[in-house]
Each structure stands twice: as C-alpha cells, then as structure tokens.
Amino acid sequence: MKQAFIATCCLLLGAGCVNLDAPPDLTRYFIMNGPNWSESQGGFAVEVTSVRLEPHLAGPRMVVRSSDNEMSFSDLNRWAGPLDANIQTVLNGYLAVSPIGTISNRPAGNTRLFVSVNVYRFEGHLPDRATLAASWSVRDSSGQTLVQRRSEHTVSGFGGSDYEQLAKLLEQTVSMLADEIASAI
C-alpha cells in the first residue's frame, strides 16, 4: 500500500512538470508583391485573365527541385494564398507599369489585349536557382490569338535554403515574363 501511495504521488508530481502547450508553429508564409500599380491611369490595354498551374504547383507548399526528376515540397515554407492568383496579380502589376500598360500609353487607345499563362515550372532548383517556365498567349478582344510562345526565365541567388530569397527571385522571374510579353506586343 505504501508503494502504491508513493507511485501515485510521483505520477501526480510528474504530471505537473509536463508542458501541455502546443509547440510553436514554425510555418512561414510568403507572397509576391510586385510593383505598386494602383496609381496607373486609365484602363488597362493588356490584362492577364488566367494563370493555370501544373497540379504539383497548385498547392500551398513551395517547391524545390534537387534534380530534373526529384523535387521536394516544403511543409514549413508555403505560399500565403493561391499561387495562381498571386502570379496573375503580380504579372498584371508589372504589365500595368510597363510602356504598354495602360490604354493611354497605346497608340490605339481602346485596344484591349488578353493574356493567358500556363505555368509548368515555378520553383527553386538546387543548388542556387529559381525558375519560371510557362507557355502564354495574347488574344485580342475578338478572341484571335496574336502571339503564342513558351518562355523560361532563371535567376541565381537562392542558396538552397533561403525561402524568402526564393520568393523574391520567383517574383523577379514573373517580372522577366512581363517584360517578354510587353516586348512581343
């Protein structure tokens, strides 16, 4: 009986030493901001109307390739919202501040062009790169395709573990794609 009493006391004392708080959430969330284009004048001459992602890119986890055939999905480093919508917003922002951005900057004042983008790579690539690979097309208001291309933009500086830097570099690739689209129009 004495041993049972001692065991019970030890269990009660030990239970008081257990931390029942949840462990801290180490997840980091990232978003691309793009340029401040809220002050652009007039309507848009060119607008990205859709961005489609390959299924493996559509989730919130950031993707890093270690080889052509192997990739990892970070559980701790995630996009803060839907990546397709973020790319579309940032791409529209870069196009809005480009020389072709607003109707007032285009010779044919009421021309509207629509861009569709299919992204099949938007990821880090070990040891040091960030890559955007996509196909895209530009249509006029009647739906006629004016330009259709495939693009790949790669920048260095990821370092393999700095996901904030990876988000910045991927935004840079979106800017490069906007420049390419603007040059093609």
Protein backbone atom coordinates (compact mmCIF):
# COMPACT_ATOMS: atom_id res chain seq x y z
CA MET A 1 0.00 0.00 0.00
CA LYS A 2 2.86 2.35 0.85
CA GLN A 3 4.40 1.68 -2.59
CA ALA A 4 1.12 2.45 -4.34
CA PHE A 5 0.86 5.74 -2.43
CA ILE A 6 4.41 6.71 -3.39
CA ALA A 7 3.81 5.77 -7.04
CA THR A 8 0.61 7.84 -7.10
CA CYS A 9 2.43 10.84 -5.59
CA CYS A 10 5.23 10.52 -8.17
CA LEU A 11 2.71 10.40 -11.02
CA LEU A 12 0.89 13.47 -9.73
CA LEU A 13 4.12 15.41 -9.26
CA GLY A 14 5.38 14.31 -12.70
CA ALA A 15 2.15 15.35 -14.36
CA GLY A 16 2.68 18.88 -13.07
CA CYS A 17 6.02 19.02 -14.91
CA VAL A 18 4.57 18.14 -18.32
CA ASN A 19 4.16 21.07 -20.71
CA LEU A 20 0.75 20.74 -22.31
CA ASP A 21 1.15 23.83 -24.53
CA ALA A 22 1.15 23.20 -28.25
CA PRO A 23 4.59 23.53 -29.87
CA PRO A 24 5.12 26.81 -31.74
CA ASP A 25 4.10 26.86 -35.40
CA LEU A 26 7.30 27.27 -37.42
CA THR A 27 5.49 27.60 -40.75
CA ARG A 28 6.50 30.65 -42.78
CA TYR A 29 4.17 32.16 -45.39
CA PHE A 30 5.33 34.08 -48.46
CA ILE A 31 3.70 36.28 -51.08
CA MET A 32 4.99 38.15 -54.10
CA ASN A 33 4.14 41.84 -54.08
CA GLY A 34 5.09 43.19 -57.49
CA PRO A 35 5.13 46.90 -58.29
CA ASN A 36 2.73 49.48 -56.88
CA TRP A 37 0.44 49.91 -59.85
CA SER A 38 -2.61 51.30 -58.07
CA GLU A 39 -1.78 54.77 -59.41
CA SER A 40 -1.78 53.70 -63.08
CA GLN A 41 -4.00 56.00 -65.13
CA GLY A 42 -6.75 54.85 -67.44
CA GLY A 43 -7.95 51.37 -68.27
CA PHE A 44 -5.60 48.55 -68.99
CA ALA A 45 -4.54 47.89 -72.56
CA VAL A 46 -3.35 44.41 -71.63
CA GLU A 47 -4.68 42.14 -68.91
CA VAL A 48 -3.70 38.70 -67.68
CA THR A 49 -7.04 36.92 -67.48
CA SER A 50 -5.88 33.46 -66.45
CA VAL A 51 -2.92 31.67 -64.93
CA ARG A 52 -3.04 27.89 -64.86
CA LEU A 53 -0.56 25.91 -62.78
CA GLU A 54 0.58 22.34 -63.21
CA PRO A 55 -1.08 20.26 -60.45
CA HIS A 56 2.14 19.79 -58.47
CA LEU A 57 2.49 23.59 -58.19
CA ALA A 58 -1.11 24.32 -57.25
CA GLY A 59 -0.80 23.60 -53.52
CA PRO A 60 0.49 25.99 -50.87
CA ARG A 61 3.87 24.31 -50.35
CA MET A 62 6.92 25.85 -52.05
CA VAL A 63 8.67 23.50 -54.48
CA VAL A 64 12.40 22.90 -54.82
CA ARG A 65 13.98 20.56 -57.36
CA SER A 66 17.14 18.68 -56.48
CA SER A 67 17.38 17.16 -59.98
CA ASP A 68 15.33 17.06 -63.15
CA ASN A 69 13.25 14.21 -61.74
CA GLU A 70 13.25 14.82 -57.98
CA MET A 71 11.51 17.60 -56.11
CA SER A 72 10.61 18.36 -52.53
CA PHE A 73 7.63 20.20 -51.14
CA SER A 74 8.33 22.30 -48.06
CA ASP A 75 5.92 21.82 -45.19
CA LEU A 76 7.34 24.84 -43.36
CA ASN A 77 7.62 27.29 -46.29
CA ARG A 78 4.32 27.99 -48.01
CA TRP A 79 2.60 30.46 -50.28
CA ALA A 80 0.27 32.68 -48.26
CA GLY A 81 -2.60 32.32 -50.73
CA PRO A 82 -3.44 30.68 -54.05
CA LEU A 83 -0.29 30.84 -56.16
CA ASP A 84 -2.12 31.19 -59.49
CA ALA A 85 -3.94 34.31 -58.23
CA ASN A 86 -0.71 35.76 -56.82
CA ILE A 87 1.15 35.25 -60.10
CA GLN A 88 -1.77 36.80 -62.01
CA THR A 89 -1.85 39.88 -59.76
CA VAL A 90 1.91 40.40 -59.89
CA LEU A 91 2.07 39.83 -63.65
CA ASN A 92 -0.78 42.32 -64.18
CA GLY A 93 1.10 44.79 -61.99
CA TYR A 94 4.30 44.54 -63.99
CA LEU A 95 2.38 44.86 -67.25
CA ALA A 96 0.45 47.86 -65.90
CA VAL A 97 3.65 49.79 -65.19
CA SER A 98 5.27 48.77 -68.48
CA PRO A 99 5.20 51.10 -71.52
CA ILE A 100 2.21 49.17 -72.93
CA GLY A 101 0.38 49.05 -69.61
CA THR A 102 -2.47 51.48 -69.85
CA ILE A 103 -4.76 52.45 -72.69
CA SER A 104 -3.36 55.98 -72.61
CA ASN A 105 0.09 54.56 -73.44
CA ARG A 106 -1.08 52.66 -76.51
CA PRO A 107 -1.47 54.21 -79.95
CA ALA A 108 -4.85 52.56 -80.49
CA GLY A 109 -6.49 53.95 -77.36
CA ASN A 110 -9.30 51.43 -76.92
CA THR A 111 -7.41 48.25 -77.80
CA ARG A 112 -7.60 45.55 -75.15
CA LEU A 113 -5.38 42.51 -75.19
CA PHE A 114 -5.81 39.45 -73.01
CA VAL A 115 -3.03 37.18 -71.78
CA SER A 116 -3.36 33.55 -70.70
CA VAL A 117 -0.45 31.81 -68.98
CA ASN A 118 0.18 28.11 -68.32
CA VAL A 119 2.94 27.66 -65.73
CA TYR A 120 4.74 24.33 -65.66
CA ARG A 121 7.76 25.32 -63.53
CA PHE A 122 7.78 27.82 -60.69
CA GLU A 123 10.32 26.56 -58.23
CA GLY A 124 13.72 26.64 -56.70
CA HIS A 125 16.34 24.39 -58.25
CA LEU A 126 19.28 23.27 -56.13
CA PRO A 127 21.84 24.46 -55.55
CA ASP A 128 21.14 28.10 -56.40
CA ARG A 129 18.44 28.88 -58.98
CA ALA A 130 14.82 29.92 -59.27
CA THR A 131 12.93 29.09 -62.46
CA LEU A 132 9.68 30.07 -64.14
CA ALA A 133 8.77 28.10 -67.25
CA ALA A 134 5.47 28.80 -68.97
CA SER A 135 3.60 28.96 -72.22
CA TRP A 136 1.49 32.02 -72.87
CA SER A 137 -0.70 33.62 -75.48
CA VAL A 138 -2.09 37.05 -76.22
CA ARG A 139 -5.57 37.44 -77.71
CA ASP A 140 -7.40 40.48 -78.94
CA SER A 141 -10.96 41.38 -77.95
CA SER A 142 -12.38 39.17 -80.73
CA GLY A 143 -10.53 36.15 -79.31
CA GLN A 144 -7.98 35.92 -82.12
CA THR A 145 -4.56 34.74 -80.93
CA LEU A 146 -1.93 37.33 -81.80
CA VAL A 147 1.11 35.85 -80.05
CA GLN A 148 1.78 32.41 -78.64
CA ARG A 149 5.09 31.46 -77.01
CA ARG A 150 6.95 29.34 -74.48
CA SER A 151 9.30 31.04 -72.04
CA GLU A 152 11.80 30.07 -69.40
CA HIS A 153 13.41 32.52 -67.01
CA THR A 154 16.04 31.52 -64.48
CA VAL A 155 17.85 33.63 -61.90
CA SER A 156 20.54 32.71 -59.38
CA GLY A 157 20.84 33.53 -55.71
CA PHE A 158 18.55 31.04 -53.91
CA GLY A 159 21.29 29.33 -51.91
CA GLY A 160 19.19 26.21 -51.37
CA SER A 161 17.58 27.11 -48.04
CA ASP A 162 16.58 30.80 -48.00
CA TYR A 163 12.91 30.62 -48.92
CA GLU A 164 12.34 34.36 -48.52
CA GLN A 165 15.03 34.88 -51.13
CA LEU A 166 13.40 32.19 -53.29
CA ALA A 167 10.08 34.11 -53.20
CA LYS A 168 11.91 37.30 -54.26
CA LEU A 169 13.71 35.51 -57.07
CA LEU A 170 10.50 33.91 -58.33
CA GLU A 171 8.90 37.37 -58.37
CA GLN A 172 11.86 38.51 -60.45
CA THR A 173 11.10 35.75 -62.98
CA VAL A 174 7.49 36.99 -63.18
CA SER A 175 8.85 40.47 -63.94
CA MET A 176 11.03 38.99 -66.68
CA LEU A 177 7.99 37.23 -68.17
CA ALA A 178 6.08 40.53 -68.13
CA ASP A 179 8.94 42.21 -69.98
CA GLU A 180 8.90 39.45 -72.58
CA ILE A 181 5.15 39.72 -73.07
CA ALA A 182 5.34 43.52 -73.36
CA SER A 183 8.13 43.24 -75.94
CA ALA A 184 6.12 40.78 -78.02
CA ILE A 185 3.06 43.01 -78.26
